[in-house]
């Protein structure tokens, strides 16, 4: 069961999970998944802030703009997109599968 109490550690089936997160797993091994857009972390407690990119060369101006968090990557990190459809994200494995770093 998802709760808003930081002391709920999953040992009794109640797990601290906020910002739209769904508590899952088994008693003692709970997880928080499906955070609302812009939130991430073990308990969906982290809020991703917009990132501003500017000063690109004229032929790369499509990369300029404000990047807003729109989803999470397989590694659980924020994925950002600007108004031109360009994306920023962190992928430790460089494979898109959430695996360990190379």
PDB file of N, CA and C in Angstrom:
ATOM      1  N   UNK A   1       0.854  -1.176   0.000  1.00  0.00           N
ATOM      2  CA  UNK A   1       0.000   0.000   0.000  1.00  0.00           C
ATOM      3  C   UNK A   1       0.896   1.233   0.000  1.00  0.00           C
ATOM      4  N   UNK A   2       0.647   2.164  -0.893  1.00  0.00           N
ATOM      5  CA  UNK A   2       1.401   3.414  -0.950  1.00  0.00           C
ATOM      6  C   UNK A   2       0.917   4.357   0.142  1.00  0.00           C
ATOM      7  N   UNK A   3       1.874   4.968   0.849  1.00  0.00           N
ATOM      8  CA  UNK A   3       1.525   5.935   1.893  1.00  0.00           C
ATOM      9  C   UNK A   3       2.354   7.203   1.710  1.00  0.00           C
ATOM     10  N   UNK A   4       2.024   8.230   2.476  1.00  0.00           N
ATOM     11  CA  UNK A   4       2.776   9.484   2.442  1.00  0.00           C
ATOM     12  C   UNK A   4       3.631   9.661   3.689  1.00  0.00           C
ATOM     13  N   UNK A   5       3.811   8.598   4.460  1.00  0.00           N
ATOM     14  CA  UNK A   5       4.617   8.653   5.681  1.00  0.00           C
ATOM     15  C   UNK A   5       6.029   8.128   5.401  1.00  0.00           C
ATOM     16  N   UNK A   6       7.050   9.000   5.518  1.00  0.00           N
ATOM     17  CA  UNK A   6       8.424   8.572   5.239  1.00  0.00           C
ATOM     18  C   UNK A   6       8.908   7.410   6.106  1.00  0.00           C
ATOM     19  N   UNK A   7       8.267   7.160   7.224  1.00  0.00           N
ATOM     20  CA  UNK A   7       8.700   6.065   8.095  1.00  0.00           C
ATOM     21  C   UNK A   7       8.212   4.696   7.617  1.00  0.00           C
ATOM     22  N   UNK A   8       7.301   4.654   6.649  1.00  0.00           N
ATOM     23  CA  UNK A   8       6.804   3.372   6.137  1.00  0.00           C
ATOM     24  C   UNK A   8       7.839   2.775   5.188  1.00  0.00           C
ATOM     25  N   UNK A   9       8.500   1.708   5.651  1.00  0.00           N
ATOM     26  CA  UNK A   9       9.614   1.120   4.910  1.00  0.00           C
ATOM     27  C   UNK A   9       9.261  -0.174   4.170  1.00  0.00           C
ATOM     28  N   UNK A  10       7.997  -0.561   4.186  1.00  0.00           N
ATOM     29  CA  UNK A  10       7.574  -1.765   3.481  1.00  0.00           C
ATOM     30  C   UNK A  10       7.559  -3.007   4.337  1.00  0.00           C
ATOM     31  N   UNK A  11       8.094  -2.927   5.560  1.00  0.00           N
ATOM     32  CA  UNK A  11       8.174  -4.120   6.406  1.00  0.00           C
ATOM     33  C   UNK A  11       6.800  -4.641   6.816  1.00  0.00           C
ATOM     34  N   UNK A  12       5.793  -3.768   6.781  1.00  0.00           N
ATOM     35  CA  UNK A  12       4.432  -4.195   7.121  1.00  0.00           C
ATOM     36  C   UNK A  12       3.490  -4.111   5.914  1.00  0.00           C
ATOM     37  N   UNK A  13       4.072  -3.986   4.712  1.00  0.00           N
ATOM     38  CA  UNK A  13       3.262  -3.893   3.501  1.00  0.00           C
ATOM     39  C   UNK A  13       2.871  -2.473   3.140  1.00  0.00           C
ATOM     40  N   UNK A  14       3.220  -1.503   3.986  1.00  0.00           N
ATOM     41  CA  UNK A  14       2.962  -0.089   3.717  1.00  0.00           C
ATOM     42  C   UNK A  14       4.290   0.550   3.319  1.00  0.00           C
ATOM     43  N   UNK A  15       4.305   1.232   2.165  1.00  0.00           N
ATOM     44  CA  UNK A  15       5.558   1.764   1.634  1.00  0.00           C
ATOM     45  C   UNK A  15       5.380   3.230   1.260  1.00  0.00           C
ATOM     46  N   UNK A  16       6.330   4.042   1.696  1.00  0.00           N
ATOM     47  CA  UNK A  16       6.334   5.468   1.372  1.00  0.00           C
ATOM     48  C   UNK A  16       6.500   5.639  -0.137  1.00  0.00           C
ATOM     49  N   UNK A  17       5.479   6.187  -0.771  1.00  0.00           N
ATOM     50  CA  UNK A  17       5.451   6.317  -2.224  1.00  0.00           C
ATOM     51  C   UNK A  17       4.543   7.498  -2.555  1.00  0.00           C
ATOM     52  N   UNK A  18       5.113   8.601  -3.056  1.00  0.00           N
ATOM     53  CA  UNK A  18       4.360   9.831  -3.286  1.00  0.00           C
ATOM     54  C   UNK A  18       4.376  10.226  -4.759  1.00  0.00           C
ATOM     55  N   UNK A  19       3.745  11.343  -5.067  1.00  0.00           N
ATOM     56  CA  UNK A  19       3.728  11.913  -6.419  1.00  0.00           C
ATOM     57  C   UNK A  19       3.245  10.930  -7.474  1.00  0.00           C
ATOM     58  N   UNK A  20       2.156  10.248  -7.149  1.00  0.00           N
ATOM     59  CA  UNK A  20       1.501   9.363  -8.098  1.00  0.00           C
ATOM     60  C   UNK A  20       2.108   7.986  -8.217  1.00  0.00           C
ATOM     61  N   UNK A  21       3.134   7.689  -7.404  1.00  0.00           N
ATOM     62  CA  UNK A  21       3.786   6.393  -7.495  1.00  0.00           C
ATOM     63  C   UNK A  21       2.901   5.264  -7.011  1.00  0.00           C
ATOM     64  N   UNK A  22       3.103   4.097  -7.594  1.00  0.00           N
ATOM     65  CA  UNK A  22       2.376   2.887  -7.196  1.00  0.00           C
ATOM     66  C   UNK A  22       3.317   1.988  -6.406  1.00  0.00           C
ATOM     67  N   UNK A  23       2.889   1.600  -5.206  1.00  0.00           N
ATOM     68  CA  UNK A  23       3.688   0.676  -4.399  1.00  0.00           C
ATOM     69  C   UNK A  23       3.448  -0.737  -4.906  1.00  0.00           C
ATOM     70  N   UNK A  24       4.514  -1.495  -5.011  1.00  0.00           N
ATOM     71  CA  UNK A  24       4.395  -2.870  -5.475  1.00  0.00           C
ATOM     72  C   UNK A  24       5.432  -3.742  -4.802  1.00  0.00           C
ATOM     73  N   UNK A  25       5.507  -4.981  -5.213  1.00  0.00           N
ATOM     74  CA  UNK A  25       6.446  -5.919  -4.640  1.00  0.00           C
ATOM     75  C   UNK A  25       5.800  -6.735  -3.536  1.00  0.00           C
ATOM     76  N   UNK A  26       6.625  -7.235  -2.645  1.00  0.00           N
ATOM     77  CA  UNK A  26       6.133  -8.042  -1.534  1.00  0.00           C
ATOM     78  C   UNK A  26       6.551  -7.389  -0.224  1.00  0.00           C
ATOM     79  N   UNK A  27       5.911  -7.771   0.865  1.00  0.00           N
ATOM     80  CA  UNK A  27       6.238  -7.208   2.171  1.00  0.00           C
ATOM     81  C   UNK A  27       7.727  -7.353   2.435  1.00  0.00           C
ATOM     82  N   UNK A  28       8.364  -6.238   2.762  1.00  0.00           N
ATOM     83  CA  UNK A  28       9.802  -6.212   2.993  1.00  0.00           C
ATOM     84  C   UNK A  28      10.625  -5.931   1.755  1.00  0.00           C
ATOM     85  N   UNK A  29      10.040  -6.042   0.582  1.00  0.00           N
ATOM     86  CA  UNK A  29      10.748  -5.783  -0.683  1.00  0.00           C
ATOM     87  C   UNK A  29       9.880  -4.920  -1.591  1.00  0.00           C
ATOM     88  N   UNK A  30       9.403  -3.821  -1.058  1.00  0.00           N
ATOM     89  CA  UNK A  30       8.501  -2.947  -1.812  1.00  0.00           C
ATOM     90  C   UNK A  30       9.270  -2.028  -2.752  1.00  0.00           C
ATOM     91  N   UNK A  31       8.595  -1.605  -3.807  1.00  0.00           N
ATOM     92  CA  UNK A  31       9.138  -0.654  -4.755  1.00  0.00           C
ATOM     93  C   UNK A  31       8.075   0.396  -5.045  1.00  0.00           C
ATOM     94  N   UNK A  32       8.502   1.513  -5.569  1.00  0.00           N
ATOM     95  CA  UNK A  32       7.599   2.591  -5.956  1.00  0.00           C
ATOM     96  C   UNK A  32       7.837   2.852  -7.435  1.00  0.00           C
ATOM     97  N   UNK A  33       6.832   2.629  -8.266  1.00  0.00           N
ATOM     98  CA  UNK A  33       6.970   2.776  -9.711  1.00  0.00           C
ATOM     99  C   UNK A  33       5.888   3.681 -10.264  1.00  0.00           C
ATOM    100  N   UNK A  34       5.981   4.003 -11.526  1.00  0.00           N
ATOM    101  CA  UNK A  34       4.983   4.804 -12.246  1.00  0.00           C
ATOM    102  C   UNK A  34       4.781   6.179 -11.615  1.00  0.00           C
ATOM    103  N   UNK A  35       5.889   6.841 -11.270  1.00  0.00           N
ATOM    104  CA  UNK A  35       5.817   8.193 -10.718  1.00  0.00           C
ATOM    105  C   UNK A  35       5.145   9.123 -11.735  1.00  0.00           C
ATOM    106  N   UNK A  36       4.503  10.172 -11.238  1.00  0.00           N
ATOM    107  CA  UNK A  36       3.974  11.188 -12.124  1.00  0.00           C
ATOM    108  C   UNK A  36       5.117  11.768 -12.951  1.00  0.00           C
ATOM    109  N   UNK A  37       4.818  12.279 -14.135  1.00  0.00           N
ATOM    110  CA  UNK A  37       5.825  12.889 -14.991  1.00  0.00           C
ATOM    111  C   UNK A  37       6.584  13.959 -14.222  1.00  0.00           C
ATOM    112  N   UNK A  38       7.900  13.921 -14.304  1.00  0.00           N
ATOM    113  CA  UNK A  38       8.742  14.908 -13.645  1.00  0.00           C
ATOM    114  C   UNK A  38       9.243  14.479 -12.280  1.00  0.00           C
ATOM    115  N   UNK A  39       8.812  13.318 -11.794  1.00  0.00           N
ATOM    116  CA  UNK A  39       9.261  12.825 -10.494  1.00  0.00           C
ATOM    117  C   UNK A  39      10.007  11.513 -10.673  1.00  0.00           C
ATOM    118  N   UNK A  40      10.960  11.257  -9.778  1.00  0.00           N
ATOM    119  CA  UNK A  40      11.764  10.043  -9.858  1.00  0.00           C
ATOM    120  C   UNK A  40      12.299   9.721  -8.474  1.00  0.00           C
ATOM    121  N   UNK A  41      12.964   8.607  -8.343  1.00  0.00           N
ATOM    122  CA  UNK A  41      13.587   8.221  -7.088  1.00  0.00           C
ATOM    123  C   UNK A  41      12.917   7.016  -6.465  1.00  0.00           C
ATOM    124  N   UNK A  42      13.524   6.512  -5.404  1.00  0.00           N
ATOM    125  CA  UNK A  42      13.040   5.323  -4.707  1.00  0.00           C
ATOM    126  C   UNK A  42      11.591   5.456  -4.275  1.00  0.00           C
ATOM    127  N   UNK A  43      11.200   6.678  -3.900  1.00  0.00           N
ATOM    128  CA  UNK A  43       9.851   6.921  -3.403  1.00  0.00           C
ATOM    129  C   UNK A  43       9.101   7.930  -4.276  1.00  0.00           C
ATOM    130  N   UNK A  44       9.579   8.178  -5.483  1.00  0.00           N
ATOM    131  CA  UNK A  44       9.030   9.215  -6.377  1.00  0.00           C
ATOM    132  C   UNK A  44       9.130  10.595  -5.741  1.00  0.00           C
ATOM    133  N   UNK A  45      10.132  10.774  -4.872  1.00  0.00           N
ATOM    134  CA  UNK A  45      10.269  12.014  -4.121  1.00  0.00           C
ATOM    135  C   UNK A  45      11.081  13.084  -4.841  1.00  0.00           C
ATOM    136  N   UNK A  46      11.876  12.694  -5.825  1.00  0.00           N
ATOM    137  CA  UNK A  46      12.723  13.657  -6.532  1.00  0.00           C
ATOM    138  C   UNK A  46      11.959  14.341  -7.646  1.00  0.00           C
ATOM    139  N   UNK A  47      12.105  15.646  -7.717  1.00  0.00           N
ATOM    140  CA  UNK A  47      11.422  16.396  -8.768  1.00  0.00           C
ATOM    141  C   UNK A  47      12.447  16.918  -9.766  1.00  0.00           C
ATOM    142  N   UNK A  48      12.293  16.545 -11.012  1.00  0.00           N
ATOM    143  CA  UNK A  48      13.197  16.989 -12.064  1.00  0.00           C
ATOM    144  C   UNK A  48      12.822  18.407 -12.484  1.00  0.00           C
ATOM    145  N   UNK A  49      13.804  19.258 -12.536  1.00  0.00           N
ATOM    146  CA  UNK A  49      13.603  20.648 -12.929  1.00  0.00           C
ATOM    147  C   UNK A  49      13.915  20.817 -14.411  1.00  0.00           C
ATOM    148  N   UNK A  50      13.278  21.785 -15.072  1.00  0.00           N
ATOM    149  CA  UNK A  50      13.602  22.039 -16.478  1.00  0.00           C
ATOM    150  C   UNK A  50      15.073  22.412 -16.635  1.00  0.00           C
ATOM    151  N   UNK A  51      15.636  22.123 -17.795  1.00  0.00           N
ATOM    152  CA  UNK A  51      17.017  22.452 -18.128  1.00  0.00           C
ATOM    153  C   UNK A  51      16.996  23.385 -19.338  1.00  0.00           C
ATOM    154  N   UNK A  52      17.753  24.487 -19.249  1.00  0.00           N
ATOM    155  CA  UNK A  52      17.820  25.438 -20.360  1.00  0.00           C
ATOM    156  C   UNK A  52      19.157  25.272 -21.075  1.00  0.00           C
ATOM    157  N   UNK A  53      19.083  25.085 -22.404  1.00  0.00           N
ATOM    158  CA  UNK A  53      20.267  24.966 -23.243  1.00  0.00           C
ATOM    159  C   UNK A  53      20.239  26.136 -24.211  1.00  0.00           C
ATOM    160  N   UNK A  54      21.343  26.880 -24.292  1.00  0.00           N
ATOM    161  CA  UNK A  54      21.396  28.010 -25.225  1.00  0.00           C
ATOM    162  C   UNK A  54      22.822  28.211 -25.714  1.00  0.00           C
ATOM    163  N   UNK A  55      22.969  28.934 -26.823  1.00  0.00           N
ATOM    164  CA  UNK A  55      24.279  29.260 -27.354  1.00  0.00           C
ATOM    165  C   UNK A  55      24.819  28.268 -28.361  1.00  0.00           C
ATOM    166  N   UNK A  56      23.966  27.416 -28.893  1.00  0.00           N
ATOM    167  CA  UNK A  56      24.430  26.453 -29.890  1.00  0.00           C
ATOM    168  C   UNK A  56      24.791  27.186 -31.188  1.00  0.00           C
ATOM    169  N   UNK A  57      25.633  26.562 -31.987  1.00  0.00           N
ATOM    170  CA  UNK A  57      25.985  27.108 -33.294  1.00  0.00           C
ATOM    171  C   UNK A  57      24.726  27.193 -34.159  1.00  0.00           C
ATOM    172  N   UNK A  58      24.712  28.108 -35.139  1.00  0.00           N
ATOM    173  CA  UNK A  58      23.503  28.298 -35.958  1.00  0.00           C
ATOM    174  C   UNK A  58      22.951  27.015 -36.582  1.00  0.00           C
ATOM    175  N   UNK A  59      23.815  26.086 -36.981  1.00  0.00           N
ATOM    176  CA  UNK A  59      23.318  24.862 -37.603  1.00  0.00           C
ATOM    177  C   UNK A  59      22.822  23.843 -36.569  1.00  0.00           C
ATOM    178  N   UNK A  60      22.962  24.153 -35.293  1.00  0.00           N
ATOM    179  CA  UNK A  60      22.525  23.253 -34.220  1.00  0.00           C
ATOM    180  C   UNK A  60      21.472  23.919 -33.325  1.00  0.00           C
ATOM    181  N   UNK A  61      20.883  25.030 -33.779  1.00  0.00           N
ATOM    182  CA  UNK A  61      19.956  25.809 -32.963  1.00  0.00           C
ATOM    183  C   UNK A  61      18.739  24.984 -32.514  1.00  0.00           C
ATOM    184  N   UNK A  62      18.444  23.891 -33.198  1.00  0.00           N
ATOM    185  CA  UNK A  62      17.329  23.027 -32.811  1.00  0.00           C
ATOM    186  C   UNK A  62      17.535  22.460 -31.401  1.00  0.00           C
ATOM    187  N   UNK A  63      18.803  22.429 -30.941  1.00  0.00           N
ATOM    188  CA  UNK A  63      19.098  21.918 -29.600  1.00  0.00           C
ATOM    189  C   UNK A  63      18.861  22.963 -28.511  1.00  0.00           C
ATOM    190  N   UNK A  64      18.807  24.256 -28.879  1.00  0.00           N
ATOM    191  CA  UNK A  64      18.524  25.311 -27.910  1.00  0.00           C
ATOM    192  C   UNK A  64      17.097  25.175 -27.396  1.00  0.00           C
ATOM    193  N   UNK A  65      16.868  25.674 -26.211  1.00  0.00           N
ATOM    194  CA  UNK A  65      15.513  25.710 -25.669  1.00  0.00           C
ATOM    195  C   UNK A  65      15.442  25.166 -24.253  1.00  0.00           C
ATOM    196  N   UNK A  66      14.252  25.153 -23.730  1.00  0.00           N
ATOM    197  CA  UNK A  66      14.009  24.622 -22.396  1.00  0.00           C
ATOM    198  C   UNK A  66      13.576  23.180 -22.524  1.00  0.00           C
ATOM    199  N   UNK A  67      14.268  22.299 -21.834  1.00  0.00           N
ATOM    200  CA  UNK A  67      13.970  20.876 -21.835  1.00  0.00           C
ATOM    201  C   UNK A  67      13.165  20.558 -20.576  1.00  0.00           C
ATOM    202  N   UNK A  68      12.001  19.955 -20.768  1.00  0.00           N
ATOM    203  CA  UNK A  68      11.131  19.610 -19.653  1.00  0.00           C
ATOM    204  C   UNK A  68      11.130  18.099 -19.432  1.00  0.00           C
ATOM    205  N   UNK A  69      11.076  17.675 -18.161  1.00  0.00           N
ATOM    206  CA  UNK A  69      11.024  16.230 -17.894  1.00  0.00           C
ATOM    207  C   UNK A  69       9.707  15.653 -18.409  1.00  0.00           C
ATOM    208  N   UNK A  70       9.797  14.553 -19.154  1.00  0.00           N
ATOM    209  CA  UNK A  70       8.571  13.957 -19.698  1.00  0.00           C
ATOM    210  C   UNK A  70       8.383  12.503 -19.305  1.00  0.00           C
ATOM    211  N   UNK A  71       9.452  11.836 -18.881  1.00  0.00           N
ATOM    212  CA  UNK A  71       9.342  10.417 -18.510  1.00  0.00           C
ATOM    213  C   UNK A  71      10.624  10.016 -17.792  1.00  0.00           C
ATOM    214  N   UNK A  72      10.715   8.739 -17.448  1.00  0.00           N
ATOM    215  CA  UNK A  72      11.929   8.188 -16.859  1.00  0.00           C
ATOM    216  C   UNK A  72      12.554   7.193 -17.821  1.00  0.00           C
ATOM    217  N   UNK A  73      13.871   7.119 -17.797  1.00  0.00           N
ATOM    218  CA  UNK A  73      14.587   6.148 -18.618  1.00  0.00           C
ATOM    219  C   UNK A  73      14.535   4.786 -17.930  1.00  0.00           C
ATOM    220  N   UNK A  74      15.057   3.766 -18.599  1.00  0.00           N
ATOM    221  CA  UNK A  74      15.103   2.423 -18.012  1.00  0.00           C
ATOM    222  C   UNK A  74      15.929   2.397 -16.735  1.00  0.00           C
ATOM    223  N   UNK A  75      16.884   3.336 -16.591  1.00  0.00           N
ATOM    224  CA  UNK A  75      17.704   3.399 -15.385  1.00  0.00           C
ATOM    225  C   UNK A  75      17.049   4.225 -14.282  1.00  0.00           C
ATOM    226  N   UNK A  76      15.821   4.723 -14.542  1.00  0.00           N
ATOM    227  CA  UNK A  76      15.089   5.474 -13.531  1.00  0.00           C
ATOM    228  C   UNK A  76      15.443   6.946 -13.453  1.00  0.00           C
ATOM    229  N   UNK A  77      16.148   7.455 -14.431  1.00  0.00           N
ATOM    230  CA  UNK A  77      16.544   8.867 -14.455  1.00  0.00           C
ATOM    231  C   UNK A  77      15.588   9.653 -15.339  1.00  0.00           C
ATOM    232  N   UNK A  78      15.471  10.975 -15.094  1.00  0.00           N
ATOM    233  CA  UNK A  78      14.578  11.794 -15.915  1.00  0.00           C
ATOM    234  C   UNK A  78      15.014  11.849 -17.383  1.00  0.00           C
ATOM    235  N   UNK A  79      14.021  11.885 -18.250  1.00  0.00           N
ATOM    236  CA  UNK A  79      14.234  12.053 -19.683  1.00  0.00           C
ATOM    237  C   UNK A  79      13.562  13.371 -20.030  1.00  0.00           C
ATOM    238  N   UNK A  80      14.289  14.265 -20.702  1.00  0.00           N
ATOM    239  CA  UNK A  80      13.817  15.605 -21.013  1.00  0.00           C
ATOM    240  C   UNK A  80      13.616  15.771 -22.516  1.00  0.00           C
ATOM    241  N   UNK A  81      12.706  16.682 -22.873  1.00  0.00           N
ATOM    242  CA  UNK A  81      12.487  16.990 -24.284  1.00  0.00           C
ATOM    243  C   UNK A  81      12.200  18.479 -24.427  1.00  0.00           C
ATOM    244  N   UNK A  82      12.717  19.085 -25.510  1.00  0.00           N
ATOM    245  CA  UNK A  82      12.413  20.497 -25.759  1.00  0.00           C
ATOM    246  C   UNK A  82      11.295  20.616 -26.789  1.00  0.00           C
ATOM    247  N   UNK A  83      10.901  21.840 -27.086  1.00  0.00           N
ATOM    248  CA  UNK A  83       9.805  22.085 -28.026  1.00  0.00           C
ATOM    249  C   UNK A  83      10.102  21.680 -29.447  1.00  0.00           C
ATOM    250  N   UNK A  84      11.361  21.401 -29.771  1.00  0.00           N
ATOM    251  CA  UNK A  84      11.757  20.963 -31.108  1.00  0.00           C
ATOM    252  C   UNK A  84      11.841  19.451 -31.221  1.00  0.00           C
ATOM    253  N   UNK A  85      11.456  18.747 -30.149  1.00  0.00           N
ATOM    254  CA  UNK A  85      11.479  17.287 -30.171  1.00  0.00           C
ATOM    255  C   UNK A  85      12.838  16.674 -29.876  1.00  0.00           C
ATOM    256  N   UNK A  86      13.803  17.501 -29.433  1.00  0.00           N
ATOM    257  CA  UNK A  86      15.136  16.995 -29.094  1.00  0.00           C
ATOM    258  C   UNK A  86      15.102  16.502 -27.644  1.00  0.00           C
ATOM    259  N   UNK A  87      15.885  15.472 -27.340  1.00  0.00           N
ATOM    260  CA  UNK A  87      15.858  14.853 -26.019  1.00  0.00           C
ATOM    261  C   UNK A  87      17.208  14.916 -25.317  1.00  0.00           C
ATOM    262  N   UNK A  88      17.143  14.934 -23.981  1.00  0.00           N
ATOM    263  CA  UNK A  88      18.313  14.791 -23.118  1.00  0.00           C
ATOM    264  C   UNK A  88      17.990  13.694 -22.124  1.00  0.00           C
ATOM    265  N   UNK A  89      18.930  12.778 -21.908  1.00  0.00           N
ATOM    266  CA  UNK A  89      18.712  11.731 -20.919  1.00  0.00           C
ATOM    267  C   UNK A  89      20.054  11.123 -20.529  1.00  0.00           C
ATOM    268  N   UNK A  90      20.076  10.445 -19.391  1.00  0.00           N
ATOM    269  CA  UNK A  90      21.263   9.763 -18.898  1.00  0.00           C
ATOM    270  C   UNK A  90      21.056   8.270 -19.045  1.00  0.00           C
ATOM    271  N   UNK A  91      21.993   7.623 -19.688  1.00  0.00           N
ATOM    272  CA  UNK A  91      21.938   6.175 -19.862  1.00  0.00           C
ATOM    273  C   UNK A  91      23.307   5.617 -19.490  1.00  0.00           C
ATOM    274  N   UNK A  92      23.450   5.060 -18.272  1.00  0.00           N
ATOM    275  CA  UNK A  92      24.770   4.594 -17.838  1.00  0.00           C
ATOM    276  C   UNK A  92      25.372   3.505 -18.711  1.00  0.00           C
ATOM    277  N   UNK A  93      24.561   2.718 -19.381  1.00  0.00           N
ATOM    278  CA  UNK A  93      25.096   1.620 -20.190  1.00  0.00           C
ATOM    279  C   UNK A  93      25.284   2.004 -21.652  1.00  0.00           C
ATOM    280  N   UNK A  94      24.714   3.122 -22.059  1.00  0.00           N
ATOM    281  CA  UNK A  94      24.740   3.573 -23.465  1.00  0.00           C
ATOM    282  C   UNK A  94      24.028   2.584 -24.389  1.00  0.00           C
ATOM    283  N   UNK A  95      23.182   1.728 -23.824  1.00  0.00           N
ATOM    284  CA  UNK A  95      22.437   0.759 -24.626  1.00  0.00           C
ATOM    285  C   UNK A  95      20.917   0.963 -24.520  1.00  0.00           C
ATOM    286  N   UNK A  96      20.459   1.810 -23.601  1.00  0.00           N
ATOM    287  CA  UNK A  96      19.030   2.036 -23.448  1.00  0.00           C
ATOM    288  C   UNK A  96      18.306   0.963 -22.671  1.00  0.00           C
ATOM    289  N   UNK A  97      19.058   0.059 -22.021  1.00  0.00           N
ATOM    290  CA  UNK A  97      18.392  -1.039 -21.325  1.00  0.00           C
ATOM    291  C   UNK A  97      18.456  -0.940 -19.802  1.00  0.00           C
ATOM    292  N   UNK A  98      19.031   0.158 -19.263  1.00  0.00           N
ATOM    293  CA  UNK A  98      19.115   0.335 -17.823  1.00  0.00           C
ATOM    294  C   UNK A  98      20.182  -0.511 -17.161  1.00  0.00           C
ATOM    295  N   UNK A  99      21.044  -1.134 -17.956  1.00  0.00           N
ATOM    296  CA  UNK A  99      22.107  -1.979 -17.421  1.00  0.00           C
ATOM    297  C   UNK A  99      23.200  -1.174 -16.753  1.00  0.00           C
ATOM    298  N   UNK A 100      24.213  -1.861 -16.269  1.00  0.00           N
ATOM    299  CA  UNK A 100      25.306  -1.204 -15.560  1.00  0.00           C
ATOM    300  C   UNK A 100      26.181  -0.408 -16.542  1.00  0.00           C
ATOM    301  N   UNK A 101      26.927   0.531 -15.978  1.00  0.00           N
ATOM    302  CA  UNK A 101      27.770   1.413 -16.785  1.00  0.00           C
ATOM    303  C   UNK A 101      28.852   0.624 -17.513  1.00  0.00           C
ATOM    304  N   UNK A 102      29.232   1.147 -18.666  1.00  0.00           N
ATOM    305  CA  UNK A 102      30.325   0.559 -19.451  1.00  0.00           C
ATOM    306  C   UNK A 102      31.650   0.984 -18.879  1.00  0.00           C
TER     307      UNK A 102
END
